[in-house]
Amino acid sequence: MQRISTLLILILIISLSGQAQKKYKADWESLKTYEIPQWYKDAKFGIFIHWGPTTVPAFEAEWYGFHMWRGETLDATGNPSQEASRAYKYHCENFGKPEDYGYTKFIPEFKAENFNAKEWIDLFEEAGAKYVVPVGEHCDGFAMYNSKITRWNSVNMGPKIDIVGELFKEGRAKRLKMGMSSHYAYGWHWWTYDEKYETTDPELKDFYWEPHGKWDPASPAFVKHWYKRTMDMMTQYNPDLLWFDLGMCEPEYEEARKKILTNYYNQGLKNKQEVVLNYKNIKWKPIPDGAAVLDLESGKLDRIRDECWQTDMSLGGWRWGYCEPYTMREAGDYINDLIDIVSKNGVLLLNVAPNKHGVIPADQQAILREIGKWLKVNGEGIYETTPFTVFGQGPTNAKMVLHGNMKDTGFTAEDVRYTQKGQSVYAFMLNWNDDKHTLSLNALGSENSIINDDIKSVSILGYEGEVKWIQKADELLIELPKERPVKNAIGFKIELEEAPGDIFKLKK
C-alpha cells in the first residue's frame, strides 16, 4: 500500500512539474513557443465592432476626437497641411468652437437606447461569423465595459450598460468565441492640449491625461496605466482573443508588452482556454513571428504565409466607427476578399459600425446576411480548410502595402482561389463573364505533380446541374453553365480518389 502511495505521489509530482513547464515567461524565447489554437485557424471569419461616443457627431468616423480641435489637418503621424480639418469645421458649425464644447460632452449623448446584444449576436451568427470582437476601448479611452480602473466607462456614463459584458453573455450562449480590442495606447497621441480646451482641465485629467507633446513617447506612468487597464479587461472577461492597435507596438511598451502576452497566455493555460493575441506591424515589429498572430489593417498578402494571420477590414473602407455617409461595397466584394485571405492562410475580421442609438443600420445588416447566405452554401470550402499548394491563378493579386485593400480594383472572371480539406480541393471563381464558356484550372493537370490522386468528381456548390469536365496534362478544364449558376463567387468542389493508406497500393 505504501509503494502504491509513493508511486501516486511521484506521478503527481511529475504531472505538476509538466504543468509548471508549460507556463510562459516574459521573454521572447518562451513566448515564441506559443501555438495558434485550431479553433482560430478553422474559424476563418469574425466580426469586429467599432462603437463609442464618436457616433454622436457621426462625422469623420472614429478619428473625430483626434481632428476636432485643429484648425489644420494632421495625419496619423503628425504631418500637417495648411487646410483646416473637416472635423474642426463641422464641430464649429454644429456644436460650437471646441473651447466651448469639448469631446467629453458627447458622452452623455451616447445613450445607445436601442442596443440589444442578442439581436446583434443573432445577426453575426446568421452572417456566418465564428468569433466576435467588440472594441473594449478606443483611442479616446472611453471603456465599453465595466472598468475597475477608469470611471470613464459605459456602466457609469453614456449607455450605463456593460456593453462588452452583454455581448459576451449572448455570444458565449451561442458558442461563439469572444474577443476584445484595445486601441488605448495610441490615445497618448490623440488629444490637442491648449489652455483654452478642456483637455487641460485638472478635473478631466483622468480622461485626457497630462498635457504633453503629441508625438512624445508615452510616459512610464501612462504605459503603467495602459497595462493596468489591459489586465483589467483580460482578468474580468477572459476573452478568447485580445486585439491590439498600433500604439502598443511602440518601443516604450516593450516590457509591458511581454508581460501582457505572458499573463494572457498563462491565464489561458490556467483556464484551459486556447487564446489568441493580435498585433499590428506598422513602423515597428513589436512581437517576433510565432509569439502571437499578425494582423494586417485593411491589407492582404500576395502569397501563402506559413503562419496563420488576420486582416481587419471595415465594411466602410477607411471608416470604422459609424458616420454619415457610410459608403460600402457590394456583398460579393467582401466575399471575394474573404476567399482570397483564406486561400493564403488568413482569417478575416470584418468590422461593422452601429449608430449612436445602438442600431446596426439596415444596409450593413443586408450585407452581413448576404455573406451568411453564401457561406451556408460554400462554407465547406472556407471553414476548417487549409491552403492548397498554390493560392490561386489569374491576373489580380494583392499589393503588400499598408491599407492595400483601399487600392483594390476588384477581381476578374480569370481570378481563381484554391483551398483544400482532406481529399477535396475547392476552386473559387471570383467573378462571372457571360462570354466565358470554360474554366481552366491550371494547377490541377494530370502531369503538374500538384495532386497525386485521381479526380473522382467535379461539382458546383449550391448548383444541382451536371458539370462536365476533363483533366488534361496541364489543366482541369470545366465546362461552365450557360447562365450564372449561383450568386457571388462560384465554388467548384473537386473530389479526389481516396489517398493510399501506405506508400504502396497493393493489388487486390
Protein backbone atom coordinates (compact mmCIF):
# COMPACT_ATOMS: atom_id res chain seq x y z
CA MET A 1 0.00 0.00 0.00
CA GLN A 2 2.87 2.34 0.86
CA ARG A 3 4.50 1.60 -2.50
CA ILE A 4 1.27 2.50 -4.30
CA SER A 5 1.01 5.77 -2.35
CA THR A 6 4.62 6.62 -3.15
CA LEU A 7 4.02 5.87 -6.83
CA LEU A 8 0.93 8.10 -6.87
CA ILE A 9 2.90 10.93 -5.26
CA LEU A 10 5.65 10.56 -7.88
CA ILE A 11 3.08 10.63 -10.68
CA LEU A 12 1.50 13.75 -9.16
CA ILE A 13 4.91 15.47 -8.86
CA ILE A 14 5.76 14.63 -12.47
CA SER A 15 2.33 15.86 -13.59
CA LEU A 16 2.63 19.13 -11.70
CA SER A 17 6.17 19.55 -12.99
CA GLY A 18 4.92 19.14 -16.55
CA GLN A 19 2.24 21.76 -15.94
CA ALA A 20 4.80 24.15 -14.46
CA GLN A 21 7.00 23.74 -17.52
CA LYS A 22 4.09 24.86 -19.70
CA LYS A 23 3.97 28.29 -18.08
CA TYR A 24 5.26 31.14 -20.18
CA LYS A 25 7.97 33.53 -19.09
CA ALA A 26 8.19 37.21 -20.01
CA ASP A 27 10.86 36.73 -22.66
CA TRP A 28 10.53 36.23 -26.38
CA GLU A 29 12.16 32.80 -26.47
CA SER A 30 9.49 31.50 -24.12
CA LEU A 31 6.67 33.35 -25.86
CA LYS A 32 7.69 32.03 -29.27
CA THR A 33 6.71 28.54 -28.07
CA TYR A 34 3.07 29.70 -28.28
CA GLU A 35 0.90 27.78 -30.74
CA ILE A 36 -2.09 29.29 -32.53
CA PRO A 37 -5.19 27.33 -31.48
CA GLN A 38 -7.02 25.19 -34.00
CA TRP A 39 -10.36 26.90 -33.38
CA TYR A 40 -8.92 30.14 -34.72
CA LYS A 41 -7.30 28.52 -37.77
CA ASP A 42 -10.65 26.89 -38.55
CA ALA A 43 -12.85 29.94 -37.89
CA LYS A 44 -11.81 31.99 -40.94
CA PHE A 45 -14.40 34.73 -40.35
CA GLY A 46 -15.13 37.04 -37.43
CA ILE A 47 -16.97 40.30 -36.75
CA PHE A 48 -15.32 43.44 -35.37
CA ILE A 49 -17.50 46.17 -33.77
CA HIS A 50 -16.30 49.78 -33.67
CA TRP A 51 -18.64 51.71 -31.41
CA GLY A 52 -18.39 54.59 -28.97
CA PRO A 53 -19.01 58.31 -28.36
CA THR A 54 -17.75 59.31 -31.83
CA THR A 55 -21.05 58.03 -33.21
CA VAL A 56 -22.73 61.09 -31.67
CA PRO A 57 -21.21 63.61 -34.12
CA ALA A 58 -21.13 60.76 -36.71
CA PHE A 59 -18.59 62.61 -38.83
CA GLU A 60 -15.08 61.55 -39.88
CA ALA A 61 -15.70 58.23 -38.12
CA GLU A 62 -13.66 57.22 -35.07
CA TRP A 63 -10.91 59.84 -35.67
CA TYR A 64 -13.20 62.72 -34.79
CA GLY A 65 -11.63 63.24 -31.36
CA PHE A 66 -8.20 63.48 -32.95
CA HIS A 67 -9.15 66.11 -35.53
CA MET A 68 -11.92 68.20 -33.92
CA TRP A 69 -9.60 70.65 -32.12
CA ARG A 70 -7.41 71.55 -35.00
CA GLY A 71 -7.56 74.43 -37.41
CA GLU A 72 -5.31 72.39 -39.66
CA THR A 73 -5.29 68.77 -40.77
CA LEU A 74 -2.87 66.25 -39.29
CA ASP A 75 -2.37 62.71 -40.47
CA ALA A 76 -1.74 59.77 -38.11
CA THR A 77 1.98 60.56 -37.89
CA GLY A 78 1.62 64.30 -37.41
CA ASN A 79 2.20 65.66 -40.91
CA PRO A 80 0.23 68.92 -41.21
CA SER A 81 -1.46 70.62 -44.12
CA GLN A 82 -2.47 74.26 -44.44
CA GLU A 83 -6.17 73.47 -44.69
CA ALA A 84 -8.34 73.33 -41.57
CA SER A 85 -9.56 69.84 -40.70
CA ARG A 86 -13.03 68.92 -41.86
CA ALA A 87 -13.86 67.77 -38.33
CA TYR A 88 -12.91 71.18 -36.89
CA LYS A 89 -15.16 72.96 -39.39
CA TYR A 90 -18.00 70.51 -38.75
CA HIS A 91 -17.63 70.86 -34.99
CA CYS A 92 -17.74 74.65 -35.10
CA GLU A 93 -20.82 74.61 -37.33
CA ASN A 94 -22.77 72.00 -35.35
CA PHE A 95 -21.61 72.20 -31.72
CA GLY A 96 -19.65 75.44 -31.37
CA LYS A 97 -15.96 76.02 -31.03
CA PRO A 98 -14.05 73.17 -29.33
CA GLU A 99 -13.07 75.50 -26.47
CA ASP A 100 -16.79 75.77 -25.69
CA TYR A 101 -17.84 72.20 -26.46
CA GLY A 102 -15.20 69.59 -25.69
CA TYR A 103 -15.18 65.91 -26.52
CA THR A 104 -16.49 64.70 -23.14
CA LYS A 105 -19.80 66.44 -23.83
CA PHE A 106 -20.56 63.75 -26.39
CA ILE A 107 -20.53 61.02 -23.74
CA PRO A 108 -23.93 61.83 -22.12
CA GLU A 109 -25.40 61.91 -25.63
CA PHE A 110 -24.11 58.43 -26.36
CA LYS A 111 -27.16 56.70 -24.91
CA ALA A 112 -27.38 53.52 -27.02
CA GLU A 113 -31.04 53.30 -26.05
CA ASN A 114 -31.83 50.64 -28.67
CA PHE A 115 -28.85 48.37 -28.04
CA ASN A 116 -29.85 44.71 -27.98
CA ALA A 117 -26.92 42.31 -27.57
CA LYS A 118 -28.99 39.26 -28.51
CA GLU A 119 -30.13 40.80 -31.80
CA TRP A 120 -26.56 41.67 -32.68
CA ILE A 121 -25.23 38.21 -31.88
CA ASP A 122 -28.08 36.57 -33.80
CA LEU A 123 -27.14 38.71 -36.80
CA PHE A 124 -23.44 37.83 -36.55
CA GLU A 125 -24.27 34.14 -36.29
CA GLU A 126 -26.52 34.46 -39.35
CA ALA A 127 -23.59 36.13 -41.16
CA GLY A 128 -21.51 33.01 -40.57
CA ALA A 129 -19.06 34.56 -38.09
CA LYS A 130 -17.30 32.21 -35.68
CA TYR A 131 -15.92 34.89 -33.36
CA VAL A 132 -16.88 38.43 -32.36
CA VAL A 133 -14.60 41.25 -31.21
CA PRO A 134 -16.25 44.38 -29.77
CA VAL A 135 -13.99 47.37 -29.17
CA GLY A 136 -13.09 47.36 -25.49
CA GLU A 137 -11.71 50.88 -25.55
CA HIS A 138 -10.76 53.04 -28.48
CA CYS A 139 -8.12 55.77 -28.56
CA ASP A 140 -10.41 58.18 -26.70
CA GLY A 141 -10.13 55.92 -23.65
CA PHE A 142 -13.86 55.50 -23.10
CA ALA A 143 -14.21 51.93 -21.83
CA MET A 144 -17.12 49.99 -23.30
CA TYR A 145 -17.05 47.65 -20.33
CA ASN A 146 -17.31 47.82 -16.53
CA SER A 147 -13.79 49.09 -15.92
CA LYS A 148 -12.33 48.95 -12.43
CA ILE A 149 -9.55 51.33 -13.45
CA THR A 150 -11.33 54.31 -15.04
CA ARG A 151 -14.62 55.99 -14.19
CA TRP A 152 -14.99 56.81 -17.89
CA ASN A 153 -16.85 53.66 -18.83
CA SER A 154 -20.17 52.60 -20.32
CA VAL A 155 -21.59 51.45 -16.99
CA ASN A 156 -21.03 54.76 -15.21
CA MET A 157 -21.78 57.05 -18.14
CA GLY A 158 -23.48 57.21 -21.52
CA PRO A 159 -25.35 53.93 -22.11
CA LYS A 160 -24.94 52.87 -18.44
CA ILE A 161 -24.66 49.28 -19.67
CA ASP A 162 -21.75 46.83 -19.69
CA ILE A 163 -21.68 46.65 -23.48
CA VAL A 164 -18.87 44.09 -23.70
CA GLY A 165 -20.34 42.02 -20.88
CA GLU A 166 -23.74 41.82 -22.57
CA LEU A 167 -22.21 40.78 -25.88
CA PHE A 168 -20.01 38.16 -24.20
CA LYS A 169 -23.01 36.66 -22.41
CA GLU A 170 -25.06 36.35 -25.61
CA GLY A 171 -22.14 35.29 -27.80
CA ARG A 172 -20.98 32.54 -25.48
CA ALA A 173 -24.55 31.27 -25.22
CA LYS A 174 -24.27 30.70 -28.99
CA ARG A 175 -20.84 29.05 -28.54
CA LEU A 176 -19.12 31.87 -30.42
CA LYS A 177 -15.59 32.80 -29.44
CA MET A 178 -15.50 36.30 -27.95
CA GLY A 179 -12.71 38.86 -28.01
CA MET A 180 -11.96 42.47 -27.08
CA SER A 181 -9.86 45.15 -28.73
CA SER A 182 -7.65 47.79 -27.14
CA HIS A 183 -6.71 50.94 -29.06
CA TYR A 184 -5.93 52.93 -25.94
CA ALA A 185 -2.13 53.01 -26.22
CA TYR A 186 -2.42 55.27 -29.27
CA GLY A 187 -4.61 57.57 -27.18
CA TRP A 188 -1.40 59.11 -25.86
CA HIS A 189 -1.17 60.84 -29.26
CA TRP A 190 -4.87 61.61 -29.55
CA TRP A 191 -5.57 64.98 -27.97
CA THR A 192 -4.59 68.57 -28.61
CA TYR A 193 -3.57 70.39 -25.44
CA ASP A 194 -4.24 74.10 -25.11
CA GLU A 195 -5.25 76.16 -22.10
CA LYS A 196 -8.47 77.14 -23.83
CA TYR A 197 -9.54 73.50 -24.25
CA GLU A 198 -10.95 71.14 -21.63
CA THR A 199 -8.04 68.80 -22.41
CA THR A 200 -6.02 70.79 -19.84
CA ASP A 201 -8.76 70.89 -17.18
CA PRO A 202 -7.36 69.26 -13.98
CA GLU A 203 -10.83 67.81 -13.28
CA LEU A 204 -10.62 65.85 -16.54
CA LYS A 205 -7.02 64.74 -16.17
CA ASP A 206 -8.12 61.11 -15.71
CA PHE A 207 -9.67 61.25 -19.19
CA TYR A 208 -7.22 63.38 -21.19
CA TRP A 209 -4.10 62.53 -19.18
CA GLU A 210 -1.33 65.04 -18.51
CA PRO A 211 -0.61 67.62 -21.25
CA HIS A 212 2.35 66.55 -23.37
CA GLY A 213 3.72 66.85 -26.87
CA LYS A 214 1.51 64.93 -29.29
CA TRP A 215 4.36 62.82 -30.63
CA ASP A 216 6.36 62.47 -27.41
CA PRO A 217 6.98 58.84 -26.36
CA ALA A 218 4.41 57.63 -23.86
CA SER A 219 5.47 58.31 -20.29
CA PRO A 220 6.21 55.39 -17.92
CA ALA A 221 3.14 56.40 -15.91
CA PHE A 222 0.89 56.18 -18.98
CA VAL A 223 2.34 52.82 -20.01
CA LYS A 224 1.68 51.55 -16.48
CA HIS A 225 -1.89 52.85 -16.67
CA TRP A 226 -2.39 51.14 -20.06
CA TYR A 227 -1.06 47.92 -18.56
CA LYS A 228 -3.49 48.07 -15.63
CA ARG A 229 -6.43 48.72 -17.92
CA THR A 230 -5.46 45.86 -20.22
CA MET A 231 -5.06 43.49 -17.28
CA ASP A 232 -8.50 44.56 -16.05
CA MET A 233 -10.06 43.68 -19.42
CA MET A 234 -8.22 40.39 -19.52
CA THR A 235 -8.98 39.17 -16.00
CA GLN A 236 -12.60 40.36 -15.83
CA TYR A 237 -13.80 38.97 -19.15
CA ASN A 238 -11.44 36.11 -20.00
CA PRO A 239 -11.57 36.93 -23.73
CA ASP A 240 -10.73 34.23 -26.24
CA LEU A 241 -8.95 36.88 -28.29
CA LEU A 242 -7.20 40.15 -27.46
CA TRP A 243 -6.66 42.58 -30.35
CA PHE A 244 -4.21 45.49 -30.12
CA ASP A 245 -3.88 48.55 -32.30
CA LEU A 246 -0.56 50.03 -33.36
CA GLY A 247 0.05 52.13 -30.21
CA MET A 248 1.25 49.18 -28.17
CA CYS A 249 3.83 48.47 -30.89
CA GLU A 250 5.90 51.48 -29.83
CA PRO A 251 9.30 50.78 -28.19
CA GLU A 252 8.38 52.16 -24.76
CA TYR A 253 5.80 49.36 -24.37
CA GLU A 254 8.36 46.56 -24.80
CA GLU A 255 8.44 45.27 -21.22
CA ALA A 256 4.72 45.81 -20.62
CA ARG A 257 4.00 44.09 -23.93
CA LYS A 258 5.90 40.96 -22.91
CA LYS A 259 4.15 40.93 -19.54
CA ILE A 260 0.71 41.20 -21.16
CA LEU A 261 1.42 38.28 -23.50
CA THR A 262 2.83 36.22 -20.66
CA ASN A 263 -0.09 36.88 -18.31
CA TYR A 264 -2.65 36.32 -21.04
CA TYR A 265 -1.18 33.03 -22.22
CA ASN A 266 -0.74 31.77 -18.68
CA GLN A 267 -4.32 32.79 -17.86
CA GLY A 268 -5.38 30.73 -20.86
CA LEU A 269 -3.45 27.73 -19.59
CA LYS A 270 -4.95 28.12 -16.13
CA ASN A 271 -8.49 28.36 -17.52
CA LYS A 272 -7.89 25.63 -20.12
CA GLN A 273 -8.77 28.27 -22.70
CA GLU A 274 -7.00 28.46 -26.06
CA VAL A 275 -6.37 32.16 -26.59
CA VAL A 276 -5.27 34.41 -29.46
CA LEU A 277 -3.50 37.77 -29.37
CA ASN A 278 -3.46 40.02 -32.46
CA TYR A 279 -0.86 42.71 -33.07
CA LYS A 280 -0.05 45.21 -35.83
CA ASN A 281 3.26 45.52 -37.66
CA ILE A 282 3.29 49.20 -38.62
CA LYS A 283 6.59 51.11 -38.35
CA TRP A 284 7.78 48.76 -35.59
CA LYS A 285 7.82 44.98 -35.35
CA PRO A 286 6.68 44.63 -31.75
CA ILE A 287 6.37 40.85 -31.49
CA PRO A 288 8.53 38.16 -33.11
CA ASP A 289 6.93 35.78 -35.59
CA GLY A 290 5.32 32.89 -33.78
CA ALA A 291 4.66 34.64 -30.46
CA ALA A 292 1.21 35.97 -31.49
CA VAL A 293 -0.98 36.43 -34.59
CA LEU A 294 -0.10 39.16 -37.08
CA ASP A 295 -2.98 41.42 -38.10
CA LEU A 296 -2.87 43.45 -41.32
CA GLU A 297 -5.00 46.59 -41.23
CA SER A 298 -7.13 46.68 -44.38
CA GLY A 299 -4.50 44.65 -46.18
CA LYS A 300 -3.95 41.27 -47.78
CA LEU A 301 -0.92 39.18 -48.64
CA ASP A 302 0.26 38.29 -52.13
CA ARG A 303 1.31 34.78 -51.10
CA ILE A 304 0.61 31.94 -48.68
CA ARG A 305 2.04 32.58 -45.22
CA ASP A 306 3.15 29.57 -43.22
CA GLU A 307 1.68 31.01 -40.01
CA CYS A 308 -1.98 31.88 -39.76
CA TRP A 309 -2.60 35.64 -39.99
CA GLN A 310 -5.53 38.05 -39.93
CA THR A 311 -6.92 41.00 -41.85
CA ASP A 312 -9.11 43.51 -40.07
CA MET A 313 -11.24 45.24 -42.66
CA SER A 314 -14.21 47.57 -42.36
CA LEU A 315 -17.47 47.47 -44.28
CA GLY A 316 -17.00 51.24 -44.56
CA GLY A 317 -13.49 51.19 -46.04
CA TRP A 318 -11.44 53.76 -44.10
CA ARG A 319 -14.47 54.45 -41.88
CA TRP A 320 -14.54 52.18 -38.84
CA GLY A 321 -16.93 53.96 -36.48
CA TYR A 322 -20.33 54.96 -37.82
CA CYS A 323 -20.53 58.25 -39.69
CA GLU A 324 -22.54 59.79 -42.48
CA PRO A 325 -22.19 58.95 -45.28
CA TYR A 326 -21.09 55.37 -44.61
CA THR A 327 -20.26 54.13 -48.09
CA MET A 328 -19.87 50.40 -48.66
CA ARG A 329 -19.16 47.97 -51.48
CA GLU A 330 -21.31 45.07 -52.71
CA ALA A 331 -21.51 41.96 -50.51
CA GLY A 332 -19.73 39.96 -53.21
CA ASP A 333 -16.64 42.13 -52.85
CA TYR A 334 -16.26 41.21 -49.17
CA ILE A 335 -16.89 37.57 -50.04
CA ASN A 336 -14.08 37.69 -52.60
CA ASP A 337 -11.78 39.30 -50.03
CA LEU A 338 -12.62 36.52 -47.57
CA ILE A 339 -11.81 33.83 -50.15
CA ASP A 340 -8.54 35.50 -51.13
CA ILE A 341 -7.47 35.83 -47.48
CA VAL A 342 -8.38 32.23 -46.62
CA SER A 343 -6.54 30.90 -49.67
CA LYS A 344 -3.34 32.43 -48.24
CA ASN A 345 -3.81 31.00 -44.72
CA GLY A 346 -5.53 34.09 -43.36
CA VAL A 347 -8.61 34.97 -41.33
CA LEU A 348 -10.95 37.92 -41.95
CA LEU A 349 -12.19 40.13 -39.10
CA LEU A 350 -14.86 42.29 -40.75
CA ASN A 351 -15.93 45.47 -38.98
CA VAL A 352 -19.49 46.71 -38.54
CA ALA A 353 -20.44 50.18 -37.30
CA PRO A 354 -23.56 50.63 -35.14
CA ASN A 355 -25.01 54.14 -34.80
CA LYS A 356 -25.32 56.12 -31.58
CA HIS A 357 -28.69 54.53 -30.82
CA GLY A 358 -27.22 51.03 -30.73
CA VAL A 359 -28.66 50.02 -34.10
CA ILE A 360 -26.68 48.33 -36.87
CA PRO A 361 -28.11 50.07 -39.94
CA ALA A 362 -30.20 48.03 -42.36
CA ASP A 363 -27.75 48.33 -45.27
CA GLN A 364 -24.94 46.85 -43.13
CA GLN A 365 -27.26 44.08 -41.95
CA ALA A 366 -28.18 43.25 -45.55
CA ILE A 367 -24.53 42.77 -46.48
CA LEU A 368 -23.88 40.53 -43.47
CA ARG A 369 -26.92 38.40 -44.29
CA GLU A 370 -25.83 38.00 -47.89
CA ILE A 371 -22.38 36.88 -46.75
CA GLY A 372 -24.03 34.42 -44.39
CA LYS A 373 -26.29 33.08 -47.12
CA TRP A 374 -23.24 32.49 -49.33
CA LEU A 375 -21.34 30.78 -46.50
CA LYS A 376 -24.23 28.40 -45.81
CA VAL A 377 -23.71 27.02 -49.30
CA ASN A 378 -19.96 27.48 -49.72
CA GLY A 379 -18.72 27.31 -46.14
CA GLU A 380 -17.35 23.80 -46.56
CA GLY A 381 -14.69 25.31 -48.84
CA ILE A 382 -13.89 28.04 -46.28
CA TYR A 383 -14.22 26.81 -42.69
CA GLU A 384 -11.66 24.29 -41.42
CA THR A 385 -9.74 24.38 -44.70
CA THR A 386 -6.02 24.69 -45.30
CA PRO A 387 -4.25 26.42 -48.19
CA PHE A 388 -3.75 24.41 -51.35
CA THR A 389 -0.25 24.09 -52.82
CA VAL A 390 -0.84 27.36 -54.70
CA PHE A 391 -3.24 30.07 -53.53
CA GLY A 392 -4.73 30.66 -56.97
CA GLN A 393 -4.37 31.91 -60.50
CA GLY A 394 -5.34 34.91 -62.58
CA PRO A 395 -4.18 38.48 -63.21
CA THR A 396 -5.21 40.01 -59.87
CA ASN A 397 -3.22 39.86 -56.66
CA ALA A 398 -2.91 41.93 -53.51
CA LYS A 399 -0.43 44.76 -53.11
CA MET A 400 1.50 44.29 -49.89
CA VAL A 401 1.26 47.86 -48.60
CA LEU A 402 -0.48 49.45 -45.64
CA HIS A 403 -4.21 49.75 -46.36
CA GLY A 404 -3.64 47.92 -49.62
CA ASN A 405 -7.28 46.92 -49.70
CA MET A 406 -8.16 50.56 -50.42
CA LYS A 407 -6.24 50.25 -53.69
CA ASP A 408 -8.05 47.12 -54.88
CA THR A 409 -9.89 47.34 -58.19
CA GLY A 410 -11.77 44.06 -57.87
CA PHE A 411 -11.33 40.58 -59.30
CA THR A 412 -12.00 39.26 -62.80
CA ALA A 413 -13.53 36.06 -64.17
CA GLU A 414 -9.98 34.79 -64.70
CA ASP A 415 -9.19 35.01 -60.98
CA VAL A 416 -9.42 31.75 -59.06
CA ARG A 417 -8.54 30.96 -55.44
CA TYR A 418 -7.95 27.48 -54.02
CA THR A 419 -8.49 25.86 -50.62
CA GLN A 420 -8.30 22.25 -49.51
CA LYS A 421 -9.92 19.96 -46.96
CA GLY A 422 -8.91 16.32 -46.90
CA GLN A 423 -9.41 14.84 -50.37
CA SER A 424 -11.43 17.79 -51.62
CA VAL A 425 -9.93 20.76 -53.44
CA TYR A 426 -12.09 23.89 -53.72
CA ALA A 427 -11.61 26.36 -56.56
CA PHE A 428 -13.48 29.64 -56.29
CA MET A 429 -14.15 31.59 -59.46
CA LEU A 430 -14.33 35.17 -58.15
CA ASN A 431 -16.32 36.78 -60.94
CA TRP A 432 -18.57 35.83 -63.84
CA ASN A 433 -18.34 36.67 -67.51
CA ASP A 434 -21.25 35.68 -69.78
CA ASP A 435 -18.82 35.27 -72.66
CA LYS A 436 -16.64 32.79 -70.78
CA HIS A 437 -17.63 29.18 -71.52
CA THR A 438 -14.90 27.15 -69.83
CA LEU A 439 -12.76 27.42 -66.72
CA SER A 440 -9.20 26.16 -66.87
CA LEU A 441 -7.69 25.22 -63.51
CA ASN A 442 -4.04 25.09 -64.40
CA ALA A 443 -2.94 23.75 -61.03
CA LEU A 444 -4.91 20.52 -61.46
CA GLY A 445 -3.44 19.00 -64.61
CA SER A 446 -2.59 15.30 -64.53
CA GLU A 447 1.11 15.92 -65.09
CA ASN A 448 1.59 19.02 -62.90
CA SER A 449 2.62 16.95 -59.85
CA ILE A 450 0.41 19.04 -57.56
CA ILE A 451 -2.32 16.47 -56.94
CA ASN A 452 -1.25 12.84 -56.75
CA ASP A 453 -4.68 11.22 -56.64
CA ASP A 454 -7.13 10.89 -59.49
CA ILE A 455 -10.08 13.25 -59.76
CA LYS A 456 -13.30 11.48 -58.85
CA SER A 457 -15.87 14.24 -59.46
CA VAL A 458 -16.37 17.95 -60.05
CA SER A 459 -19.42 19.88 -58.85
CA ILE A 460 -20.54 23.43 -58.18
CA LEU A 461 -21.57 24.20 -54.61
CA GLY A 462 -25.25 25.15 -54.49
CA TYR A 463 -25.91 24.03 -58.07
CA GLU A 464 -27.73 20.81 -58.92
CA GLY A 465 -26.92 20.71 -62.62
CA GLU A 466 -24.36 18.36 -64.14
CA VAL A 467 -20.83 19.71 -64.51
CA LYS A 468 -18.80 18.45 -67.47
CA TRP A 469 -15.03 18.32 -67.14
CA ILE A 470 -11.90 16.74 -68.48
CA GLN A 471 -8.46 16.51 -66.93
CA LYS A 472 -5.62 17.20 -69.32
CA ALA A 473 -1.89 17.07 -68.78
CA ASP A 474 -1.61 20.73 -67.76
CA GLU A 475 -5.14 21.70 -66.69
CA LEU A 476 -8.52 20.65 -65.41
CA LEU A 477 -10.96 22.02 -67.98
CA ILE A 478 -14.51 22.63 -66.76
CA GLU A 479 -17.47 23.49 -68.99
CA LEU A 480 -19.37 26.38 -67.40
CA PRO A 481 -23.18 26.50 -67.24
CA LYS A 482 -24.82 28.72 -69.84
CA GLU A 483 -26.09 31.05 -67.13
CA ARG A 484 -24.51 32.05 -63.86
CA PRO A 485 -25.32 29.12 -61.55
CA VAL A 486 -25.17 30.92 -58.17
CA LYS A 487 -24.84 34.47 -56.85
CA ASN A 488 -21.41 35.84 -55.96
CA ALA A 489 -18.24 33.74 -56.10
CA ILE A 490 -18.73 30.29 -57.61
CA GLY A 491 -17.29 27.38 -55.65
CA PHE A 492 -16.12 24.29 -57.55
CA LYS A 493 -15.59 21.17 -55.48
CA ILE A 494 -13.02 18.77 -56.92
CA GLU A 495 -13.18 15.45 -55.09
CA LEU A 496 -10.12 13.24 -55.33
CA GLU A 497 -9.96 9.47 -55.05
CA GLU A 498 -9.09 8.17 -51.61
CA ALA A 499 -5.42 8.52 -50.80
CA PRO A 500 -3.48 5.30 -50.25
CA GLY A 501 -3.14 4.18 -46.66
CA ASP A 502 0.52 3.33 -47.15
CA ILE A 503 3.34 4.22 -49.50
CA PHE A 504 2.36 1.49 -51.97
CA LYS A 505 -1.08 0.46 -53.16
CA LEU A 506 -1.46 -3.32 -53.03
CA LYS A 507 -3.25 -5.08 -55.87
CA LYS A 508 -6.43 -6.79 -54.81
